[in-house]
Amino acid sequence: MFQVYFTADIDEELTNKLEEHAQSISILYDKKAIIALFNSEEEIPACARDYILSIQTLDEEIWKYRYLDSFNGIAVTPDVFIFPATKGKLCDSSYKYAIAINPKDAFGDGTHPTTRMCIQTLESIAGTIAPEKRSLYSLCDAGTGTGIIAIAAELFGFGSIDAFDIDSCAIQRAQENAAYNGCNKINFFVLDIAKVGSGIQYKIVVANLLSHIIEKNAVVLASLVEEGGTLIASGIHDRWAKGIATLMQKYCTLVDNKTMDEWHCLVFKKQKR
């Protein structure tokens, strides 16, 4: 984890760019600086590098446990609560789905608006399907991270679930999180989305990714959705939402645009020919 200090006089455009790529961002008025956390130096936008005051590498274990101390769970919907597996269940019995996640890696804990909107959308879709028929719906979680969306999908009753990520460490963490929740039907594997083969398709595809990854792999994502199926594209900041929506509508139809804190979750339907 890299803690980067930027001069606070960067403009709004660059601030938005930082918000899109950083794990977190804060403005420190007393120090006249902006502090942002990145998983790697490569994630720091090139256009913001001239404004860097300093870069500090945070010891992985220190960062993990610093985050662990501050995370006490979050209600994603009236029925879904996500809590840290290391602290035990921190919600009452009113929640139908209590999901335990190991929060050591911070990213993918359910607190980010894009993750929350994906889970909310999946829950809404599940609510339109008779419980006994949900197992007939195949689902793909592209860029699964800690596996939280795939885990929610299994708990909601969806059937065949594939979940992949380019990072092998993420897949290991996702498998551990699935085990915490008694989920054993998810097929986790390491894969670069750009190398997804042709042929396999799903009733539902969730792509909670950075905007530029969605843009770069629009054709691949669309090809993963079967005719009549649904594509949930999230991880999209307000600045890029219109462009992504226009691009994806070359392949499918926009049916919903959910927003939360300047982030978007775009829901598409792939029309039957």
Protein backbone atom coordinates (compact mmCIF):
# COMPACT_ATOMS: atom_id res chain seq x y z
CA MET A 1 0.00 0.00 0.00
CA PHE A 2 1.33 3.44 -0.96
CA GLN A 3 0.42 6.63 0.89
CA VAL A 4 0.87 9.59 -1.46
CA TYR A 5 0.81 13.26 -0.51
CA PHE A 6 -0.20 15.73 -3.23
CA THR A 7 -0.15 19.51 -3.09
CA ALA A 8 -3.68 20.69 -2.32
CA ASP A 9 -3.80 23.22 -5.18
CA ILE A 10 -4.60 20.63 -7.86
CA ASP A 11 -7.75 21.39 -9.82
CA GLU A 12 -11.11 19.63 -9.66
CA GLU A 13 -10.38 17.53 -12.73
CA LEU A 14 -7.26 16.02 -11.19
CA THR A 15 -9.01 15.53 -7.85
CA ASN A 16 -11.72 13.53 -9.64
CA LYS A 17 -9.02 11.48 -11.32
CA LEU A 18 -7.48 10.67 -7.96
CA GLU A 19 -10.87 9.71 -6.55
CA GLU A 20 -11.37 7.28 -9.40
CA HIS A 21 -8.05 5.46 -8.96
CA ALA A 22 -7.24 5.74 -5.25
CA GLN A 23 -8.47 3.40 -2.55
CA SER A 24 -9.20 6.46 -0.41
CA ILE A 25 -8.56 10.20 -0.55
CA SER A 26 -8.60 12.93 2.10
CA ILE A 27 -7.86 16.66 2.04
CA LEU A 28 -5.65 17.79 4.91
CA TYR A 29 -6.30 21.51 5.16
CA ASP A 30 -3.86 22.05 8.02
CA LYS A 31 -1.01 20.59 5.99
CA LYS A 32 -2.23 22.05 2.71
CA ALA A 33 -2.09 18.64 1.09
CA ILE A 34 -4.18 15.82 -0.31
CA ILE A 35 -3.44 12.31 0.90
CA ALA A 36 -4.42 9.28 -1.14
CA LEU A 37 -3.88 5.53 -0.78
CA PHE A 38 -2.99 3.32 -3.74
CA ASN A 39 -2.40 -0.42 -3.98
CA SER A 40 0.55 0.19 -6.31
CA GLU A 41 2.52 3.10 -7.72
CA GLU A 42 1.21 2.21 -11.18
CA GLU A 43 -2.29 3.22 -10.05
CA ILE A 44 -1.21 6.85 -9.53
CA PRO A 45 -2.57 8.81 -12.53
CA ALA A 46 0.23 10.12 -14.73
CA CYS A 47 -1.44 13.53 -14.92
CA ALA A 48 -1.15 13.94 -11.14
CA ARG A 49 2.47 12.91 -10.69
CA ASP A 50 3.84 16.47 -10.97
CA TYR A 51 1.83 17.37 -7.86
CA ILE A 52 3.32 14.66 -5.62
CA LEU A 53 4.96 15.92 -2.43
CA SER A 54 5.98 12.52 -1.10
CA ILE A 55 5.30 8.79 -1.38
CA GLN A 56 5.40 6.51 1.64
CA THR A 57 5.21 2.74 1.52
CA LEU A 58 2.97 1.45 4.29
CA ASP A 59 3.98 -1.84 5.80
CA GLU A 60 1.36 -4.31 4.66
CA GLU A 61 0.61 -5.73 8.09
CA ILE A 62 0.44 -2.27 9.70
CA TRP A 63 -1.98 -1.10 7.02
CA LYS A 64 -4.11 -4.22 7.25
CA TYR A 65 -4.57 -4.01 10.99
CA ARG A 66 -4.99 -0.24 11.01
CA TYR A 67 -7.92 -0.75 8.66
CA LEU A 68 -9.20 -3.72 10.66
CA ASP A 69 -9.47 -1.57 13.79
CA SER A 70 -11.77 0.92 12.07
CA PHE A 71 -14.07 -1.43 10.15
CA ASN A 72 -17.18 -2.55 12.03
CA GLY A 73 -19.41 -3.54 9.14
CA ILE A 74 -22.02 -1.90 6.96
CA ALA A 75 -25.69 -2.36 6.10
CA VAL A 76 -25.81 -2.62 2.31
CA THR A 77 -29.57 -3.09 2.14
CA PRO A 78 -32.29 -3.64 4.79
CA ASP A 79 -31.59 -7.38 4.39
CA VAL A 80 -27.82 -7.46 3.79
CA PHE A 81 -25.15 -6.66 6.37
CA ILE A 82 -21.42 -7.12 5.76
CA PHE A 83 -19.16 -7.48 8.78
CA PRO A 84 -15.49 -8.30 9.47
CA ALA A 85 -15.02 -12.02 10.00
CA THR A 86 -12.29 -11.32 12.54
CA LYS A 87 -14.64 -9.43 14.88
CA GLY A 88 -17.64 -11.70 14.80
CA LYS A 89 -21.20 -10.92 13.82
CA LEU A 90 -21.90 -7.24 14.50
CA CYS A 91 -25.55 -7.03 13.48
CA ASP A 92 -28.88 -8.19 14.83
CA SER A 93 -31.07 -10.97 13.49
CA SER A 94 -33.19 -8.59 11.40
CA TYR A 95 -30.77 -9.06 8.48
CA LYS A 96 -31.57 -12.00 6.23
CA TYR A 97 -28.05 -12.11 4.85
CA ALA A 98 -25.09 -11.48 7.17
CA ILE A 99 -21.88 -11.75 5.14
CA ALA A 100 -18.52 -12.20 6.85
CA ILE A 101 -15.54 -10.70 5.01
CA ASN A 102 -11.90 -10.67 6.02
CA PRO A 103 -11.18 -6.94 5.65
CA LYS A 104 -7.37 -7.10 5.83
CA ASP A 105 -6.95 -6.00 2.24
CA ALA A 106 -9.40 -3.08 2.52
CA PHE A 107 -10.51 -3.19 -1.12
CA GLY A 108 -13.76 -5.10 -1.57
CA ASP A 109 -15.16 -4.81 1.95
CA GLY A 110 -18.58 -3.67 0.75
CA THR A 111 -18.27 -0.05 1.83
CA HIS A 112 -17.55 1.42 -1.60
CA PRO A 113 -20.68 2.75 -3.37
CA THR A 114 -20.04 0.70 -6.51
CA THR A 115 -19.90 -2.58 -4.59
CA ARG A 116 -23.00 -1.69 -2.61
CA MET A 117 -24.93 -0.83 -5.77
CA CYS A 118 -23.94 -4.13 -7.40
CA ILE A 119 -25.22 -6.09 -4.42
CA GLN A 120 -28.39 -4.00 -4.27
CA THR A 121 -29.00 -4.64 -7.98
CA LEU A 122 -28.45 -8.38 -7.62
CA GLU A 123 -30.83 -8.49 -4.67
CA SER A 124 -33.46 -6.63 -6.71
CA ILE A 125 -33.06 -9.07 -9.62
CA ALA A 126 -33.31 -12.02 -7.25
CA GLY A 127 -36.53 -10.56 -5.88
CA THR A 128 -38.14 -10.79 -9.32
CA ILE A 129 -37.36 -14.50 -9.64
CA ALA A 130 -39.12 -17.30 -7.78
CA PRO A 131 -36.67 -18.76 -5.21
CA GLU A 132 -36.90 -22.22 -6.75
CA LYS A 133 -35.90 -20.84 -10.17
CA ARG A 134 -32.90 -18.72 -9.16
CA SER A 135 -30.59 -21.72 -9.40
CA LEU A 136 -31.23 -21.72 -13.14
CA TYR A 137 -29.51 -18.33 -13.47
CA SER A 138 -25.79 -18.50 -14.23
CA LEU A 139 -23.63 -15.57 -13.11
CA CYS A 140 -20.13 -14.25 -13.74
CA ASP A 141 -18.32 -11.87 -11.39
CA ALA A 142 -15.57 -10.29 -13.51
CA GLY A 143 -12.83 -8.81 -11.31
CA THR A 144 -14.12 -10.44 -8.14
CA GLY A 145 -11.60 -8.89 -5.70
CA THR A 146 -12.44 -10.24 -2.25
CA GLY A 147 -15.33 -12.24 -3.72
CA ILE A 148 -18.02 -10.29 -1.94
CA ILE A 149 -20.35 -9.92 -4.94
CA ALA A 150 -20.07 -13.60 -5.89
CA ILE A 151 -20.73 -14.57 -2.28
CA ALA A 152 -23.84 -12.40 -2.16
CA ALA A 153 -24.98 -13.96 -5.44
CA GLU A 154 -24.76 -17.48 -3.99
CA LEU A 155 -26.58 -16.44 -0.83
CA PHE A 156 -29.32 -14.89 -2.98
CA GLY A 157 -29.77 -18.30 -4.58
CA PHE A 158 -28.23 -17.86 -8.03
CA GLY A 159 -26.92 -21.04 -9.62
CA SER A 160 -23.67 -21.61 -11.48
CA ILE A 161 -21.28 -18.82 -10.45
CA ASP A 162 -17.88 -18.12 -12.00
CA ALA A 163 -15.69 -15.45 -10.38
CA PHE A 164 -12.28 -14.43 -11.68
CA ASP A 165 -9.60 -11.85 -11.07
CA ILE A 166 -6.21 -11.08 -12.60
CA ASP A 167 -4.63 -11.11 -9.11
CA SER A 168 -3.93 -14.56 -7.65
CA CYS A 169 -3.82 -13.09 -4.11
CA ALA A 170 -7.32 -11.71 -4.61
CA ILE A 171 -8.57 -15.15 -5.63
CA GLN A 172 -7.02 -16.68 -2.52
CA ARG A 173 -8.72 -14.07 -0.35
CA ALA A 174 -12.03 -14.59 -2.18
CA GLN A 175 -11.87 -18.34 -1.59
CA GLU A 176 -11.23 -17.75 2.11
CA ASN A 177 -14.16 -15.35 2.32
CA ALA A 178 -16.44 -17.81 0.55
CA ALA A 179 -15.48 -20.45 3.12
CA TYR A 180 -16.31 -18.03 5.98
CA ASN A 181 -19.85 -17.84 4.60
CA GLY A 182 -20.34 -21.52 3.80
CA CYS A 183 -20.38 -20.80 0.07
CA ASN A 184 -19.03 -23.77 -1.88
CA LYS A 185 -20.66 -23.37 -5.29
CA ILE A 186 -18.50 -20.51 -6.62
CA ASN A 187 -15.84 -21.36 -9.17
CA PHE A 188 -12.96 -18.95 -8.46
CA PHE A 189 -10.06 -18.69 -10.89
CA VAL A 190 -7.27 -16.39 -12.05
CA LEU A 191 -7.87 -14.77 -15.44
CA ASP A 192 -7.15 -11.55 -17.28
CA ILE A 193 -10.46 -10.25 -18.63
CA ALA A 194 -8.73 -9.39 -21.90
CA LYS A 195 -8.01 -13.11 -22.36
CA VAL A 196 -11.53 -14.41 -21.81
CA GLY A 197 -12.28 -17.01 -24.46
CA SER A 198 -15.33 -17.06 -26.67
CA GLY A 199 -18.28 -19.39 -26.25
CA ILE A 200 -19.21 -19.29 -22.57
CA GLN A 201 -22.09 -17.00 -21.64
CA TYR A 202 -24.07 -16.14 -18.52
CA LYS A 203 -27.54 -14.94 -17.62
CA ILE A 204 -25.98 -12.24 -15.41
CA VAL A 205 -22.54 -10.64 -15.67
CA VAL A 206 -21.26 -8.27 -12.99
CA ALA A 207 -18.28 -6.07 -13.85
CA ASN A 208 -17.35 -3.88 -10.89
CA LEU A 209 -14.18 -2.51 -12.47
CA LEU A 210 -12.40 0.75 -13.17
CA SER A 211 -13.91 2.73 -16.03
CA HIS A 212 -10.93 2.35 -18.34
CA ILE A 213 -10.97 -1.44 -17.91
CA ILE A 214 -14.66 -1.57 -18.81
CA GLU A 215 -14.03 0.67 -21.80
CA LYS A 216 -11.08 -1.39 -23.00
CA ASN A 217 -12.98 -4.67 -22.65
CA ALA A 218 -16.49 -3.62 -23.68
CA VAL A 219 -16.71 -6.22 -26.44
CA VAL A 220 -15.57 -9.02 -24.13
CA LEU A 221 -18.02 -8.07 -21.39
CA ALA A 222 -20.91 -7.89 -23.85
CA SER A 223 -19.95 -11.27 -25.33
CA LEU A 224 -20.19 -12.89 -21.88
CA VAL A 225 -23.88 -12.02 -21.60
CA GLU A 226 -26.36 -14.39 -23.19
CA GLU A 227 -29.28 -13.04 -25.21
CA GLY A 228 -31.91 -11.74 -22.83
CA GLY A 229 -29.32 -11.55 -20.06
CA THR A 230 -28.19 -8.70 -17.82
CA LEU A 231 -24.88 -6.85 -17.58
CA ILE A 232 -24.19 -4.88 -14.40
CA ALA A 233 -21.30 -2.48 -14.99
CA SER A 234 -20.09 -0.53 -11.98
CA GLY A 235 -16.93 1.13 -10.68
CA ILE A 236 -17.79 4.09 -12.92
CA HIS A 237 -17.24 7.63 -11.70
CA ASP A 238 -19.70 10.34 -12.71
CA ARG A 239 -17.20 11.83 -15.11
CA TRP A 240 -17.09 8.69 -17.26
CA ALA A 241 -20.66 7.38 -16.91
CA LYS A 242 -22.10 8.96 -20.08
CA GLY A 243 -19.23 7.70 -22.22
CA ILE A 244 -19.42 4.15 -20.85
CA ALA A 245 -23.20 4.08 -21.28
CA THR A 246 -22.90 5.23 -24.90
CA LEU A 247 -20.17 2.69 -25.64
CA MET A 248 -21.97 -0.29 -24.09
CA GLN A 249 -25.22 0.55 -25.87
CA LYS A 250 -23.56 -0.57 -29.10
CA TYR A 251 -24.02 -4.07 -27.73
CA CYS A 252 -26.92 -3.93 -25.27
CA THR A 253 -29.66 -1.64 -23.96
CA LEU A 254 -29.33 0.55 -20.87
CA VAL A 255 -32.27 -0.18 -18.54
CA ASP A 256 -31.12 1.45 -15.30
CA ASN A 257 -28.51 3.92 -14.06
CA LYS A 258 -28.06 3.82 -10.30
CA THR A 259 -26.00 6.56 -8.64
CA MET A 260 -24.41 6.95 -5.23
CA ASP A 261 -21.88 9.58 -4.17
CA GLU A 262 -20.95 10.44 -7.79
CA TRP A 263 -20.49 6.77 -8.71
CA HIS A 264 -22.63 4.86 -11.19
CA CYS A 265 -23.91 1.33 -11.60
CA LEU A 266 -25.17 0.85 -15.14
CA VAL A 267 -27.57 -2.01 -15.84
CA PHE A 268 -27.91 -3.28 -19.39
CA LYS A 269 -30.08 -5.87 -21.11
CA LYS A 270 -28.81 -7.84 -24.06
CA GLN A 271 -31.73 -8.02 -26.42
CA LYS A 272 -32.76 -11.26 -28.07
CA ARG A 273 -32.28 -11.33 -31.81
